[in-house]
Amino acid sequence: MARQVRSEATRRKILDAAIDVFGEVGYAAAAWGTIIERTGMTKGALYHHFDSKESLASAIIEEGADTLLVAFRNVCGSSSPALENMIHGTFTVADVLRSDKVARAAEQLTFGLSGFNEAATQFCGGLLELMIAEARRASAEGDLRPDLDPAMVSESIIGAMLGTQLLSNAIPEMEANGDLIGRTGKVWELLLAGIVADESLPYFHQFLIREALRYAQPAAASRANTRSAVEVE
């Protein structure tokens, strides 16, 4: 039992070191030797757990993806309107991304390795599958426009959310000018006008406003605490 605990602690140390190095220089530029040096281990000790840089990246994606998918799945209650779940789910994912280091690293690695890594493919597919299930229910409940294919709606939503985050990662000015929660709300403002049935639109506009405010409040408090800490220093 003690050996298993030590092994898990070592694996965690390696993953944390890799997350830091990938975050600093990107996956492609991250050198195996730099990761080994960051862990303070020997090459043999690291190879005991991971045999390549890609296997390290895959483990990070799998862990982060599980966190994100579970978070989305947990808000999809059958008693709530499915379109509420779709909106709430994307805000929940955005909230996890801004607060969970592994989930954020998993998302960034997915962008870099999509099409070449099985873990990245499974993550994107799993997220899309959850959204399609809710979109089909939203269509049956009459909240989506009847002429729209729920699968295409889901692809558009996931594409918009991931694409917005990709741009934010690539263009520093976007990151400086708005947080992920705020951008998620802006994307939904555009999406609602195109996908929601006319009679349902007023309700979901109000629901979106409430969601955006609810998730924005922790972010505002966090920024205020950061400013206070800086002023104290």
Protein backbone atom coordinates (compact mmCIF):
# COMPACT_ATOMS: atom_id res chain seq x y z
CA MET A 1 0.00 0.00 0.00
CA ALA A 2 2.81 2.41 0.94
CA ARG A 3 4.58 1.62 -2.34
CA GLN A 4 1.40 2.40 -4.28
CA VAL A 5 1.01 5.74 -2.48
CA ARG A 6 4.64 6.65 -3.26
CA SER A 7 4.16 5.66 -6.88
CA GLU A 8 1.07 7.83 -7.22
CA ALA A 9 2.86 10.75 -5.56
CA THR A 10 5.74 10.37 -8.00
CA ARG A 11 3.36 10.23 -10.95
CA ARG A 12 1.62 13.38 -9.69
CA LYS A 13 4.96 15.17 -9.37
CA ILE A 14 5.85 14.29 -12.97
CA LEU A 15 2.48 15.43 -14.30
CA ASP A 16 2.68 18.73 -12.41
CA ALA A 17 6.17 19.36 -13.76
CA ALA A 18 5.05 18.58 -17.32
CA ILE A 19 2.01 20.89 -16.98
CA ASP A 20 4.33 23.72 -15.92
CA VAL A 21 6.78 23.14 -18.79
CA PHE A 22 4.04 22.73 -21.41
CA GLY A 23 2.39 25.90 -20.12
CA GLU A 24 5.63 27.89 -20.30
CA VAL A 25 6.90 26.90 -23.75
CA GLY A 26 4.15 24.85 -25.40
CA TYR A 27 4.03 21.15 -26.18
CA ALA A 28 6.21 21.24 -29.28
CA ALA A 29 9.04 23.19 -27.67
CA ALA A 30 8.96 21.31 -24.36
CA ALA A 31 12.14 19.26 -24.07
CA TRP A 32 12.11 15.88 -22.38
CA GLY A 33 15.28 16.85 -20.53
CA THR A 34 13.64 20.02 -19.19
CA ILE A 35 10.74 18.02 -17.78
CA ILE A 36 13.14 15.55 -16.15
CA GLU A 37 15.15 18.41 -14.66
CA ARG A 38 11.99 20.07 -13.35
CA THR A 39 10.97 16.87 -11.51
CA GLY A 40 14.40 16.45 -9.91
CA MET A 41 14.28 12.75 -10.81
CA THR A 42 16.48 10.50 -12.87
CA LYS A 43 15.58 9.64 -16.44
CA GLY A 44 14.98 6.04 -15.39
CA ALA A 45 12.52 7.05 -12.68
CA LEU A 46 10.52 9.13 -15.13
CA TYR A 47 10.53 6.41 -17.80
CA HIS A 48 9.10 4.01 -15.23
CA HIS A 49 5.87 6.05 -15.36
CA PHE A 50 5.86 7.60 -18.85
CA ASP A 51 7.74 6.41 -21.91
CA SER A 52 7.37 9.55 -24.04
CA LYS A 53 6.34 13.19 -24.06
CA GLU A 54 3.11 12.22 -25.82
CA SER A 55 2.19 9.70 -23.13
CA LEU A 56 2.63 12.49 -20.59
CA ALA A 57 0.41 14.80 -22.64
CA SER A 58 -2.20 12.06 -23.02
CA ALA A 59 -2.32 11.49 -19.25
CA ILE A 60 -2.85 15.22 -18.67
CA ILE A 61 -5.59 15.38 -21.29
CA GLU A 62 -7.34 12.34 -19.85
CA GLU A 63 -7.29 13.71 -16.30
CA GLY A 64 -8.38 17.21 -17.29
CA ALA A 65 -11.00 15.93 -19.71
CA ASP A 66 -12.53 13.74 -17.02
CA THR A 67 -12.82 16.77 -14.72
CA LEU A 68 -14.50 18.85 -17.42
CA LEU A 69 -16.86 16.14 -18.65
CA VAL A 70 -17.95 15.21 -15.12
CA ALA A 71 -18.57 18.90 -14.36
CA PHE A 72 -20.75 19.24 -17.46
CA ARG A 73 -22.59 15.98 -16.81
CA ASN A 74 -23.31 16.91 -13.20
CA VAL A 75 -25.30 20.00 -14.19
CA CYS A 76 -27.45 18.19 -16.74
CA GLY A 77 -30.36 17.33 -14.48
CA SER A 78 -33.32 15.66 -16.16
CA SER A 79 -35.72 17.94 -14.28
CA SER A 80 -34.24 21.08 -15.82
CA PRO A 81 -35.01 22.24 -19.38
CA ALA A 82 -32.30 20.87 -21.63
CA LEU A 83 -31.41 24.27 -23.06
CA GLU A 84 -30.80 25.51 -19.51
CA ASN A 85 -28.42 22.56 -19.07
CA MET A 86 -26.60 23.48 -22.29
CA ILE A 87 -26.07 27.07 -21.18
CA HIS A 88 -25.28 26.14 -17.59
CA GLY A 89 -22.90 23.41 -18.76
CA THR A 90 -20.79 25.76 -20.84
CA PHE A 91 -20.51 28.27 -18.00
CA THR A 92 -19.54 25.42 -15.67
CA VAL A 93 -16.81 24.29 -18.08
CA ALA A 94 -15.56 27.89 -18.34
CA ASP A 95 -15.50 28.12 -14.55
CA VAL A 96 -13.50 24.90 -14.23
CA LEU A 97 -11.04 26.08 -16.89
CA ARG A 98 -10.28 29.29 -15.04
CA SER A 99 -9.78 27.53 -11.70
CA ASP A 100 -8.36 24.07 -12.44
CA LYS A 101 -4.74 23.89 -13.61
CA VAL A 102 -4.96 20.37 -15.04
CA ALA A 103 -8.20 21.05 -16.93
CA ARG A 104 -6.70 24.19 -18.45
CA ALA A 105 -3.57 22.31 -19.50
CA ALA A 106 -5.71 19.52 -20.97
CA GLU A 107 -7.64 22.02 -23.07
CA GLN A 108 -4.47 23.67 -24.37
CA LEU A 109 -2.87 20.33 -25.21
CA THR A 110 -6.05 19.26 -26.99
CA PHE A 111 -5.74 22.29 -29.27
CA GLY A 112 -2.16 21.39 -30.09
CA LEU A 113 -2.63 17.64 -30.53
CA SER A 114 -6.15 17.31 -31.95
CA GLY A 115 -6.18 14.93 -34.89
CA PHE A 116 -2.97 13.26 -33.71
CA ASN A 117 -3.76 12.12 -30.18
CA GLU A 118 -6.43 9.62 -29.14
CA ALA A 119 -7.00 11.25 -25.76
CA ALA A 120 -7.68 14.61 -27.42
CA THR A 121 -10.09 12.97 -29.87
CA GLN A 122 -11.98 11.23 -27.07
CA PHE A 123 -12.23 14.46 -25.07
CA CYS A 124 -13.73 16.44 -27.95
CA GLY A 125 -16.02 13.56 -28.86
CA GLY A 126 -17.20 13.14 -25.28
CA LEU A 127 -18.01 16.83 -24.90
CA LEU A 128 -19.89 16.85 -28.20
CA GLU A 129 -21.83 13.72 -27.25
CA LEU A 130 -23.05 15.32 -24.01
CA MET A 131 -24.12 18.48 -25.83
CA ILE A 132 -25.95 16.54 -28.57
CA ALA A 133 -27.94 14.58 -25.98
CA GLU A 134 -29.12 17.83 -24.37
CA ALA A 135 -29.79 19.51 -27.73
CA ARG A 136 -32.00 16.61 -28.82
CA ARG A 137 -33.99 16.94 -25.63
CA ALA A 138 -34.20 20.73 -26.05
CA SER A 139 -35.56 20.18 -29.55
CA ALA A 140 -38.17 17.72 -28.25
CA GLU A 141 -39.13 20.25 -25.56
CA GLY A 142 -39.77 22.85 -28.26
CA ASP A 143 -37.04 25.30 -27.19
CA LEU A 144 -34.88 24.91 -30.29
CA ARG A 145 -36.04 26.08 -33.68
CA PRO A 146 -37.72 23.07 -35.34
CA ASP A 147 -35.76 23.45 -38.59
CA LEU A 148 -32.40 22.92 -36.86
CA ASP A 149 -30.49 19.65 -36.51
CA PRO A 150 -29.54 19.17 -32.83
CA ALA A 151 -26.19 17.67 -33.82
CA MET A 152 -25.30 20.70 -35.93
CA VAL A 153 -26.44 23.03 -33.15
CA SER A 154 -24.17 21.16 -30.73
CA GLU A 155 -21.21 21.29 -33.09
CA SER A 156 -21.72 25.05 -33.47
CA ILE A 157 -21.86 25.59 -29.71
CA ILE A 158 -18.77 23.50 -28.94
CA GLY A 159 -16.92 25.00 -31.89
CA ALA A 160 -17.76 28.54 -30.77
CA MET A 161 -16.69 27.91 -27.19
CA LEU A 162 -13.44 26.14 -28.00
CA GLY A 163 -12.69 28.55 -30.84
CA THR A 164 -13.12 31.57 -28.59
CA GLN A 165 -10.73 30.08 -26.05
CA LEU A 166 -8.23 29.18 -28.77
CA LEU A 167 -8.22 32.80 -29.95
CA SER A 168 -7.80 33.99 -26.39
CA ASN A 169 -4.78 31.74 -25.93
CA ALA A 170 -3.27 32.86 -29.22
CA ILE A 171 -3.93 36.61 -28.92
CA PRO A 172 -2.77 38.07 -25.58
CA GLU A 173 -4.87 41.22 -26.08
CA MET A 174 -8.05 39.12 -25.98
CA GLU A 175 -7.03 37.55 -22.68
CA ALA A 176 -6.26 40.98 -21.25
CA ASN A 177 -9.56 42.48 -22.38
CA GLY A 178 -12.02 39.92 -21.10
CA ASP A 179 -12.34 36.76 -19.01
CA LEU A 180 -13.65 33.44 -20.25
CA ILE A 181 -16.94 33.79 -18.37
CA GLY A 182 -17.65 37.11 -20.06
CA ARG A 183 -16.81 35.75 -23.49
CA THR A 184 -19.00 32.71 -22.88
CA GLY A 185 -21.94 35.03 -22.22
CA LYS A 186 -21.24 37.04 -25.38
CA VAL A 187 -21.09 33.89 -27.51
CA TRP A 188 -24.44 32.73 -26.11
CA GLU A 189 -26.02 36.11 -26.87
CA LEU A 190 -25.24 35.47 -30.54
CA LEU A 191 -26.22 31.80 -30.44
CA LEU A 192 -29.60 32.28 -28.77
CA ALA A 193 -30.84 34.53 -31.56
CA GLY A 194 -30.14 31.85 -34.13
CA ILE A 195 -31.13 28.60 -32.43
CA VAL A 196 -33.95 29.29 -29.97
CA ALA A 197 -37.64 29.15 -30.87
CA ASP A 198 -39.24 32.60 -30.87
CA GLU A 199 -41.64 31.86 -28.02
CA SER A 200 -38.81 30.58 -25.81
CA LEU A 201 -36.31 33.34 -26.59
CA PRO A 202 -37.35 35.90 -23.90
CA TYR A 203 -37.08 33.31 -21.13
CA PHE A 204 -33.62 32.10 -22.18
CA HIS A 205 -32.33 35.65 -22.60
CA GLN A 206 -33.19 36.20 -18.94
CA PHE A 207 -31.72 32.86 -17.94
CA LEU A 208 -28.46 33.77 -19.72
CA ILE A 209 -28.28 37.09 -17.89
CA ARG A 210 -28.69 35.32 -14.54
CA GLU A 211 -26.05 32.71 -15.39
CA ALA A 212 -23.54 35.32 -16.54
CA LEU A 213 -24.02 37.32 -13.34
CA ARG A 214 -23.81 34.26 -11.12
CA TYR A 215 -20.51 33.09 -12.59
CA ALA A 216 -19.07 36.60 -12.95
CA GLN A 217 -19.36 37.32 -9.22
CA PRO A 218 -16.67 34.83 -8.07
CA ALA A 219 -14.34 36.14 -10.79
CA ALA A 220 -14.88 39.73 -9.69
CA ALA A 221 -14.24 38.79 -6.06
CA SER A 222 -11.06 36.97 -7.05
CA ARG A 223 -9.77 40.01 -8.96
CA ALA A 224 -10.59 42.26 -6.00
CA ASN A 225 -8.68 39.96 -3.63
CA THR A 226 -5.71 39.96 -6.00
CA ARG A 227 -5.68 43.77 -6.16
CA SER A 228 -5.89 43.97 -2.35
CA ALA A 229 -2.97 41.58 -1.96
CA VAL A 230 -0.88 43.62 -4.37
CA GLU A 231 -1.71 46.86 -2.54
CA VAL A 232 -0.71 45.29 0.79
CA GLU A 233 2.61 44.21 -0.64
